[in-house]
PDB file of all heavy atoms in Angstrom:
ATOM      1  N   ARG A   1      -9.603 -11.686   2.183  1.00  0.00           N
ATOM      2  CA  ARG A   1     -10.013 -13.060   1.924  1.00  0.00           C
ATOM      3  C   ARG A   1      -8.852 -14.054   2.028  1.00  0.00           C
ATOM      4  O   ARG A   1      -9.081 -15.253   2.249  1.00  0.00           O
ATOM      5  CB  ARG A   1     -10.635 -13.160   0.526  1.00  0.00           C
ATOM      6  CG  ARG A   1     -12.008 -12.526   0.402  1.00  0.00           C
ATOM      7  CD  ARG A   1     -12.483 -12.480  -1.045  1.00  0.00           C
ATOM      8  NE  ARG A   1     -13.824 -11.930  -1.145  1.00  0.00           N
ATOM      9  CZ  ARG A   1     -14.945 -12.639  -1.240  1.00  0.00           C
ATOM     10  NH1 ARG A   1     -14.871 -13.960  -1.243  1.00  0.00           N
ATOM     11  NH2 ARG A   1     -16.119 -12.059  -1.322  1.00  0.00           N
ATOM     12  N   HIS A   2      -7.618 -13.561   1.871  1.00  0.00           N
ATOM     13  CA  HIS A   2      -6.459 -14.448   1.863  1.00  0.00           C
ATOM     14  C   HIS A   2      -5.369 -13.903   2.809  1.00  0.00           C
ATOM     15  O   HIS A   2      -4.264 -13.568   2.376  1.00  0.00           O
ATOM     16  CB  HIS A   2      -5.904 -14.580   0.445  1.00  0.00           C
ATOM     17  CG  HIS A   2      -6.906 -15.062  -0.552  1.00  0.00           C
ATOM     18  ND1 HIS A   2      -7.216 -16.401  -0.707  1.00  0.00           N
ATOM     19  CD2 HIS A   2      -7.693 -14.378  -1.437  1.00  0.00           C
ATOM     20  CE1 HIS A   2      -8.143 -16.521  -1.640  1.00  0.00           C
ATOM     21  NE2 HIS A   2      -8.442 -15.319  -2.104  1.00  0.00           N
ATOM     22  N   PRO A   3      -5.665 -13.827   4.114  1.00  0.00           N
ATOM     23  CA  PRO A   3      -4.684 -13.275   5.053  1.00  0.00           C
ATOM     24  C   PRO A   3      -3.388 -14.075   5.099  1.00  0.00           C
ATOM     25  O   PRO A   3      -2.320 -13.526   5.384  1.00  0.00           O
ATOM     26  CB  PRO A   3      -5.419 -13.302   6.397  1.00  0.00           C
ATOM     27  CG  PRO A   3      -6.483 -14.358   6.232  1.00  0.00           C
ATOM     28  CD  PRO A   3      -6.901 -14.261   4.794  1.00  0.00           C
ATOM     29  N   GLU A   4      -3.485 -15.368   4.792  1.00  0.00           N
ATOM     30  CA  GLU A   4      -2.295 -16.210   4.829  1.00  0.00           C
ATOM     31  C   GLU A   4      -1.325 -15.892   3.696  1.00  0.00           C
ATOM     32  O   GLU A   4      -0.137 -16.223   3.764  1.00  0.00           O
ATOM     33  CB  GLU A   4      -2.701 -17.689   4.743  1.00  0.00           C
ATOM     34  CG  GLU A   4      -3.146 -18.169   3.368  1.00  0.00           C
ATOM     35  CD  GLU A   4      -4.485 -17.611   2.883  1.00  0.00           C
ATOM     36  OE1 GLU A   4      -5.240 -17.064   3.723  1.00  0.00           O
ATOM     37  OE2 GLU A   4      -4.764 -17.732   1.681  1.00  0.00           O
ATOM     38  N   ALA A   5      -1.793 -15.221   2.647  1.00  0.00           N
ATOM     39  CA  ALA A   5      -0.955 -14.925   1.483  1.00  0.00           C
ATOM     40  C   ALA A   5       0.021 -13.788   1.745  1.00  0.00           C
ATOM     41  O   ALA A   5       1.052 -13.689   1.086  1.00  0.00           O
ATOM     42  CB  ALA A   5      -1.824 -14.607   0.278  1.00  0.00           C
ATOM     43  N   GLY A   6      -0.296 -12.914   2.698  1.00  0.00           N
ATOM     44  CA  GLY A   6       0.616 -11.827   3.034  1.00  0.00           C
ATOM     45  C   GLY A   6       0.683 -10.730   1.985  1.00  0.00           C
ATOM     46  O   GLY A   6       1.774 -10.277   1.631  1.00  0.00           O
ATOM     47  N   LEU A   7      -0.465 -10.279   1.498  1.00  0.00           N
ATOM     48  CA  LEU A   7      -0.465  -9.229   0.483  1.00  0.00           C
ATOM     49  C   LEU A   7       0.052  -7.910   1.034  1.00  0.00           C
ATOM     50  O   LEU A   7       0.647  -7.115   0.300  1.00  0.00           O
ATOM     51  CB  LEU A   7      -1.870  -9.028  -0.093  1.00  0.00           C
ATOM     52  CG  LEU A   7      -2.272  -9.983  -1.225  1.00  0.00           C
ATOM     53  CD1 LEU A   7      -2.621 -11.360  -0.700  1.00  0.00           C
ATOM     54  CD2 LEU A   7      -3.425  -9.404  -2.035  1.00  0.00           C
ATOM     55  N   TRP A   8      -0.186  -7.651   2.315  1.00  0.00           N
ATOM     56  CA  TRP A   8       0.377  -6.484   2.997  1.00  0.00           C
ATOM     57  C   TRP A   8       1.526  -6.943   3.895  1.00  0.00           C
ATOM     58  O   TRP A   8       1.541  -8.091   4.337  1.00  0.00           O
ATOM     59  CB  TRP A   8      -0.662  -5.795   3.883  1.00  0.00           C
ATOM     60  CG  TRP A   8      -1.749  -5.061   3.188  1.00  0.00           C
ATOM     61  CD1 TRP A   8      -3.083  -5.347   3.217  1.00  0.00           C
ATOM     62  CD2 TRP A   8      -1.628  -3.879   2.385  1.00  0.00           C
ATOM     63  NE1 TRP A   8      -3.795  -4.439   2.487  1.00  0.00           N
ATOM     64  CE2 TRP A   8      -2.923  -3.513   1.968  1.00  0.00           C
ATOM     65  CE3 TRP A   8      -0.545  -3.093   1.986  1.00  0.00           C
ATOM     66  CZ2 TRP A   8      -3.173  -2.399   1.167  1.00  0.00           C
ATOM     67  CZ3 TRP A   8      -0.793  -1.977   1.180  1.00  0.00           C
ATOM     68  CH2 TRP A   8      -2.077  -1.637   0.785  1.00  0.00           C
ATOM     69  N   PRO A   9       2.485  -6.048   4.199  1.00  0.00           N
ATOM     70  CA  PRO A   9       3.521  -6.405   5.181  1.00  0.00           C
ATOM     71  C   PRO A   9       2.885  -6.783   6.517  1.00  0.00           C
ATOM     72  O   PRO A   9       1.862  -6.215   6.924  1.00  0.00           O
ATOM     73  CB  PRO A   9       4.346  -5.123   5.299  1.00  0.00           C
ATOM     74  CG  PRO A   9       4.116  -4.387   4.017  1.00  0.00           C
ATOM     75  CD  PRO A   9       2.701  -4.703   3.629  1.00  0.00           C
ATOM     76  N   GLU A  10       3.479  -7.726   7.207  1.00  0.00           N
ATOM     77  CA  GLU A  10       2.924  -8.176   8.489  1.00  0.00           C
ATOM     78  C   GLU A  10       3.117  -7.142   9.590  1.00  0.00           C
ATOM     79  O   GLU A  10       2.235  -6.947  10.428  1.00  0.00           O
ATOM     80  CB  GLU A  10       3.593  -9.495   8.897  1.00  0.00           C
ATOM     81  CG  GLU A  10       3.031 -10.101  10.164  1.00  0.00           C
ATOM     82  CD  GLU A  10       3.662 -11.446  10.483  1.00  0.00           C
ATOM     83  OE1 GLU A  10       4.469 -11.941   9.662  1.00  0.00           O
ATOM     84  OE2 GLU A  10       3.354 -12.000  11.555  1.00  0.00           O
ATOM     85  N   ASP A  11       4.258  -6.467   9.613  1.00  0.00           N
ATOM     86  CA  ASP A  11       4.544  -5.478  10.642  1.00  0.00           C
ATOM     87  C   ASP A  11       3.581  -4.289  10.515  1.00  0.00           C
ATOM     88  O   ASP A  11       3.420  -3.727   9.429  1.00  0.00           O
ATOM     89  CB  ASP A  11       5.989  -4.991  10.503  1.00  0.00           C
ATOM     90  CG  ASP A  11       6.342  -3.957  11.537  1.00  0.00           C
ATOM     91  OD1 ASP A  11       6.139  -2.750  11.281  1.00  0.00           O
ATOM     92  OD2 ASP A  11       6.816  -4.339  12.632  1.00  0.00           O
ATOM     93  N   PRO A  12       2.905  -3.871  11.611  1.00  0.00           N
ATOM     94  CA  PRO A  12       1.905  -2.795  11.525  1.00  0.00           C
ATOM     95  C   PRO A  12       2.467  -1.480  10.991  1.00  0.00           C
ATOM     96  O   PRO A  12       1.796  -0.782  10.214  1.00  0.00           O
ATOM     97  CB  PRO A  12       1.423  -2.647  12.975  1.00  0.00           C
ATOM     98  CG  PRO A  12       1.702  -3.966  13.612  1.00  0.00           C
ATOM     99  CD  PRO A  12       2.959  -4.459  12.969  1.00  0.00           C
ATOM    100  N   LYS A  13       3.687  -1.126  11.384  1.00  0.00           N
ATOM    101  CA  LYS A  13       4.266   0.129  10.897  1.00  0.00           C
ATOM    102  C   LYS A  13       4.536   0.066   9.405  1.00  0.00           C
ATOM    103  O   LYS A  13       4.273   1.025   8.669  1.00  0.00           O
ATOM    104  CB  LYS A  13       5.542   0.448  11.671  1.00  0.00           C
ATOM    105  CG  LYS A  13       5.298   0.806  13.133  1.00  0.00           C
ATOM    106  CD  LYS A  13       6.597   1.162  13.829  1.00  0.00           C
ATOM    107  CE  LYS A  13       6.338   1.549  15.279  1.00  0.00           C
ATOM    108  NZ  LYS A  13       7.589   1.891  16.011  1.00  0.00           N
ATOM    109  N   LEU A  14       5.069  -1.063   8.950  1.00  0.00           N
ATOM    110  CA  LEU A  14       5.318  -1.212   7.519  1.00  0.00           C
ATOM    111  C   LEU A  14       3.999  -1.296   6.747  1.00  0.00           C
ATOM    112  O   LEU A  14       3.891  -0.745   5.643  1.00  0.00           O
ATOM    113  CB  LEU A  14       6.154  -2.463   7.257  1.00  0.00           C
ATOM    114  CG  LEU A  14       7.582  -2.469   7.810  1.00  0.00           C
ATOM    115  CD1 LEU A  14       8.299  -3.754   7.417  1.00  0.00           C
ATOM    116  CD2 LEU A  14       8.363  -1.250   7.344  1.00  0.00           C
ATOM    117  N   ARG A  15       3.026  -1.949   7.333  1.00  0.00           N
ATOM    118  CA  ARG A  15       1.723  -2.053   6.665  1.00  0.00           C
ATOM    119  C   ARG A  15       1.086  -0.678   6.503  1.00  0.00           C
ATOM    120  O   ARG A  15       0.533  -0.347   5.452  1.00  0.00           O
ATOM    121  CB  ARG A  15       0.804  -2.986   7.455  1.00  0.00           C
ATOM    122  CG  ARG A  15      -0.509  -3.273   6.746  1.00  0.00           C
ATOM    123  CD  ARG A  15      -1.245  -4.438   7.393  1.00  0.00           C
ATOM    124  NE  ARG A  15      -1.596  -4.193   8.787  1.00  0.00           N
ATOM    125  CZ  ARG A  15      -1.050  -4.841   9.822  1.00  0.00           C
ATOM    126  NH1 ARG A  15      -0.126  -5.765   9.630  1.00  0.00           N
ATOM    127  NH2 ARG A  15      -1.437  -4.563  11.053  1.00  0.00           N
ATOM    128  N   GLY A  16       1.183   0.145   7.551  1.00  0.00           N
ATOM    129  CA  GLY A  16       0.647   1.499   7.462  1.00  0.00           C
ATOM    130  C   GLY A  16       1.349   2.324   6.395  1.00  0.00           C
ATOM    131  O   GLY A  16       0.705   3.068   5.640  1.00  0.00           O
ATOM    132  N   LEU A  17       2.667   2.199   6.322  1.00  0.00           N
ATOM    133  CA  LEU A  17       3.420   2.931   5.304  1.00  0.00           C
ATOM    134  C   LEU A  17       3.074   2.414   3.911  1.00  0.00           C
ATOM    135  O   LEU A  17       2.914   3.204   2.966  1.00  0.00           O
ATOM    136  CB  LEU A  17       4.915   2.805   5.570  1.00  0.00           C
ATOM    137  CG  LEU A  17       5.844   3.522   4.581  1.00  0.00           C
ATOM    138  CD1 LEU A  17       5.513   5.014   4.511  1.00  0.00           C
ATOM    139  CD2 LEU A  17       7.307   3.314   4.988  1.00  0.00           C
ATOM    140  N   ALA A  18       2.943   1.105   3.773  1.00  0.00           N
ATOM    141  CA  ALA A  18       2.582   0.534   2.476  1.00  0.00           C
ATOM    142  C   ALA A  18       1.216   1.033   2.026  1.00  0.00           C
ATOM    143  O   ALA A  18       1.020   1.378   0.843  1.00  0.00           O
ATOM    144  CB  ALA A  18       2.589  -0.994   2.554  1.00  0.00           C
ATOM    145  N   ARG A  19       0.265   1.101   2.939  1.00  0.00           N
ATOM    146  CA  ARG A  19      -1.065   1.607   2.582  1.00  0.00           C
ATOM    147  C   ARG A  19      -0.994   3.078   2.178  1.00  0.00           C
ATOM    148  O   ARG A  19      -1.697   3.522   1.261  1.00  0.00           O
ATOM    149  CB  ARG A  19      -2.023   1.420   3.763  1.00  0.00           C
ATOM    150  CG  ARG A  19      -2.594   0.009   3.880  1.00  0.00           C
ATOM    151  CD  ARG A  19      -3.788  -0.013   4.808  1.00  0.00           C
ATOM    152  NE  ARG A  19      -4.583  -1.213   4.625  1.00  0.00           N
ATOM    153  CZ  ARG A  19      -4.630  -2.238   5.473  1.00  0.00           C
ATOM    154  NH1 ARG A  19      -3.888  -2.209   6.570  1.00  0.00           N
ATOM    155  NH2 ARG A  19      -5.373  -3.283   5.234  1.00  0.00           N
ATOM    156  N   THR A  20      -0.138   3.844   2.847  1.00  0.00           N
ATOM    157  CA  THR A  20       0.038   5.243   2.498  1.00  0.00           C
ATOM    158  C   THR A  20       0.584   5.390   1.083  1.00  0.00           C
ATOM    159  O   THR A  20       0.103   6.209   0.289  1.00  0.00           O
ATOM    160  CB  THR A  20       0.990   5.927   3.500  1.00  0.00           C
ATOM    161  OG1 THR A  20       0.398   5.881   4.802  1.00  0.00           O
ATOM    162  CG2 THR A  20       1.250   7.374   3.125  1.00  0.00           C
ATOM    163  N   LEU A  21       1.580   4.571   0.745  1.00  0.00           N
ATOM    164  CA  LEU A  21       2.158   4.627  -0.595  1.00  0.00           C
ATOM    165  C   LEU A  21       1.130   4.239  -1.660  1.00  0.00           C
ATOM    166  O   LEU A  21       1.073   4.847  -2.732  1.00  0.00           O
ATOM    167  CB  LEU A  21       3.372   3.709  -0.684  1.00  0.00           C
ATOM    168  CG  LEU A  21       4.748   4.378  -0.468  1.00  0.00           C
ATOM    169  CD1 LEU A  21       4.867   4.918   0.940  1.00  0.00           C
ATOM    170  CD2 LEU A  21       5.875   3.389  -0.753  1.00  0.00           C
ATOM    171  N   VAL A  22       0.337   3.234  -1.373  1.00  0.00           N
ATOM    172  CA  VAL A  22      -0.677   2.802  -2.334  1.00  0.00           C
ATOM    173  C   VAL A  22      -1.724   3.891  -2.538  1.00  0.00           C
ATOM    174  O   VAL A  22      -2.136   4.180  -3.670  1.00  0.00           O
ATOM    175  CB  VAL A  22      -1.333   1.487  -1.876  1.00  0.00           C
ATOM    176  CG1 VAL A  22      -2.601   1.200  -2.666  1.00  0.00           C
ATOM    177  CG2 VAL A  22      -0.349   0.338  -2.023  1.00  0.00           C
ATOM    178  N   ALA A  23      -2.146   4.533  -1.439  1.00  0.00           N
ATOM    179  CA  ALA A  23      -3.154   5.593  -1.546  1.00  0.00           C
ATOM    180  C   ALA A  23      -2.631   6.751  -2.390  1.00  0.00           C
ATOM    181  O   ALA A  23      -3.359   7.297  -3.233  1.00  0.00           O
ATOM    182  CB  ALA A  23      -3.541   6.086  -0.154  1.00  0.00           C
ATOM    183  N   GLU A  24      -1.372   7.137  -2.194  1.00  0.00           N
ATOM    184  CA  GLU A  24      -0.822   8.235  -2.990  1.00  0.00           C
ATOM    185  C   GLU A  24      -0.691   7.840  -4.457  1.00  0.00           C
ATOM    186  O   GLU A  24      -0.943   8.651  -5.355  1.00  0.00           O
ATOM    187  CB  GLU A  24       0.532   8.686  -2.439  1.00  0.00           C
ATOM    188  CG  GLU A  24       1.104   9.864  -3.218  1.00  0.00           C
ATOM    189  CD  GLU A  24       2.185  10.627  -2.481  1.00  0.00           C
ATOM    190  OE1 GLU A  24       2.324  10.448  -1.247  1.00  0.00           O
ATOM    191  OE2 GLU A  24       2.880  11.415  -3.137  1.00  0.00           O
ATOM    192  N   MET A  25      -0.318   6.601  -4.715  1.00  0.00           N
ATOM    193  CA  MET A  25      -0.222   6.151  -6.103  1.00  0.00           C
ATOM    194  C   MET A  25      -1.589   6.184  -6.762  1.00  0.00           C
ATOM    195  O   MET A  25      -1.728   6.509  -7.949  1.00  0.00           O
ATOM    196  CB  MET A  25       0.358   4.733  -6.145  1.00  0.00           C
ATOM    197  CG  MET A  25       0.511   4.141  -7.540  1.00  0.00           C
ATOM    198  SD  MET A  25       1.747   4.969  -8.555  1.00  0.00           S
ATOM    199  CE  MET A  25       0.732   6.002  -9.586  1.00  0.00           C
ATOM    200  N   HIS A  26      -2.608   5.869  -6.008  1.00  0.00           N
ATOM    201  CA  HIS A  26      -3.958   5.785  -6.560  1.00  0.00           C
ATOM    202  C   HIS A  26      -4.476   7.139  -7.011  1.00  0.00           C
ATOM    203  O   HIS A  26      -5.252   7.217  -7.972  1.00  0.00           O
ATOM    204  CB  HIS A  26      -4.886   5.183  -5.505  1.00  0.00           C
ATOM    205  CG  HIS A  26      -6.201   4.724  -6.052  1.00  0.00           C
ATOM    206  ND1 HIS A  26      -7.386   5.345  -5.752  1.00  0.00           N
ATOM    207  CD2 HIS A  26      -6.528   3.710  -6.896  1.00  0.00           C
ATOM    208  CE1 HIS A  26      -8.382   4.732  -6.367  1.00  0.00           C
ATOM    209  NE2 HIS A  26      -7.890   3.730  -7.071  1.00  0.00           N
ATOM    210  N   VAL A  27      -4.072   8.209  -6.336  1.00  0.00           N
ATOM    211  CA  VAL A  27      -4.646   9.525  -6.635  1.00  0.00           C
ATOM    212  C   VAL A  27      -3.630  10.516  -7.198  1.00  0.00           C
ATOM    213  O   VAL A  27      -4.020  11.582  -7.680  1.00  0.00           O
ATOM    214  CB  VAL A  27      -5.293  10.146  -5.376  1.00  0.00           C
ATOM    215  CG1 VAL A  27      -6.406   9.258  -4.852  1.00  0.00           C
ATOM    216  CG2 VAL A  27      -4.262  10.396  -4.276  1.00  0.00           C
ATOM    217  N   GLY A  28      -2.344  10.187  -7.144  1.00  0.00           N
ATOM    218  CA  GLY A  28      -1.329  11.168  -7.491  1.00  0.00           C
ATOM    219  C   GLY A  28      -0.596  10.891  -8.788  1.00  0.00           C
ATOM    220  O   GLY A  28      -1.009  10.068  -9.601  1.00  0.00           O
ATOM    221  N   PHE A  29       0.500  11.621  -8.971  1.00  0.00           N
ATOM    222  CA  PHE A  29       1.411  11.452 -10.102  1.00  0.00           C
ATOM    223  C   PHE A  29       0.725  11.702 -11.442  1.00  0.00           C
ATOM    224  O   PHE A  29       0.937  10.987 -12.414  1.00  0.00           O
ATOM    225  CB  PHE A  29       2.059  10.056 -10.065  1.00  0.00           C
ATOM    226  CG  PHE A  29       2.749   9.778  -8.757  1.00  0.00           C
ATOM    227  CD1 PHE A  29       2.148   8.988  -7.796  1.00  0.00           C
ATOM    228  CD2 PHE A  29       3.994  10.340  -8.486  1.00  0.00           C
ATOM    229  CE1 PHE A  29       2.773   8.752  -6.574  1.00  0.00           C
ATOM    230  CE2 PHE A  29       4.623  10.099  -7.269  1.00  0.00           C
ATOM    231  CZ  PHE A  29       4.012   9.312  -6.313  1.00  0.00           C
ATOM    232  N   GLY A  30      -0.085  12.767 -11.459  1.00  0.00           N
ATOM    233  CA  GLY A  30      -0.858  13.079 -12.656  1.00  0.00           C
ATOM    234  C   GLY A  30      -0.006  13.419 -13.864  1.00  0.00           C
ATOM    235  O   GLY A  30      -0.325  13.009 -14.988  1.00  0.00           O
ATOM    236  N   ALA A  31       1.075  14.173 -13.651  1.00  0.00           N
ATOM    237  CA  ALA A  31       1.913  14.555 -14.790  1.00  0.00           C
ATOM    238  C   ALA A  31       2.557  13.336 -15.422  1.00  0.00           C
ATOM    239  O   ALA A  31       2.569  13.178 -16.654  1.00  0.00           O
ATOM    240  CB  ALA A  31       2.984  15.556 -14.337  1.00  0.00           C
ATOM    241  N   LEU A  32       3.072  12.438 -14.593  1.00  0.00           N
ATOM    242  CA  LEU A  32       3.722  11.232 -15.103  1.00  0.00           C
ATOM    243  C   LEU A  32       2.724  10.369 -15.863  1.00  0.00           C
ATOM    244  O   LEU A  32       3.025   9.825 -16.932  1.00  0.00           O
ATOM    245  CB  LEU A  32       4.349  10.454 -13.951  1.00  0.00           C
ATOM    246  CG  LEU A  32       5.107   9.170 -14.306  1.00  0.00           C
ATOM    247  CD1 LEU A  32       6.236   9.452 -15.289  1.00  0.00           C
ATOM    248  CD2 LEU A  32       5.648   8.500 -13.043  1.00  0.00           C
ATOM    249  N   ARG A  33       1.528  10.241 -15.332  1.00  0.00           N
ATOM    250  CA  ARG A  33       0.516   9.430 -16.001  1.00  0.00           C
ATOM    251  C   ARG A  33       0.090  10.056 -17.335  1.00  0.00           C
ATOM    252  O   ARG A  33      -0.030   9.372 -18.352  1.00  0.00           O
ATOM    253  CB  ARG A  33      -0.713   9.282 -15.115  1.00  0.00           C
ATOM    254  CG  ARG A  33      -0.501   8.459 -13.870  1.00  0.00           C
ATOM    255  CD  ARG A  33      -1.816   8.349 -13.137  1.00  0.00           C
ATOM    256  NE  ARG A  33      -1.664   7.753 -11.829  1.00  0.00           N
ATOM    257  CZ  ARG A  33      -2.683   7.591 -10.986  1.00  0.00           C
ATOM    258  NH1 ARG A  33      -3.878   7.986 -11.332  1.00  0.00           N
ATOM    259  NH2 ARG A  33      -2.482   7.038  -9.799  1.00  0.00           N
TER     260      ARG A  33
END
C-alpha cells in the first residue's frame, strides 16, 4: 500500500535476502523465544 515508503530494500537481491531473514525469524529461533 505504501511503495514510496521503502519498507523493503529497493535492490532485488537485498529485498530477497531481507524477505528470507524475515521468514526465518517468523518461524524459527524457538529456544531463544
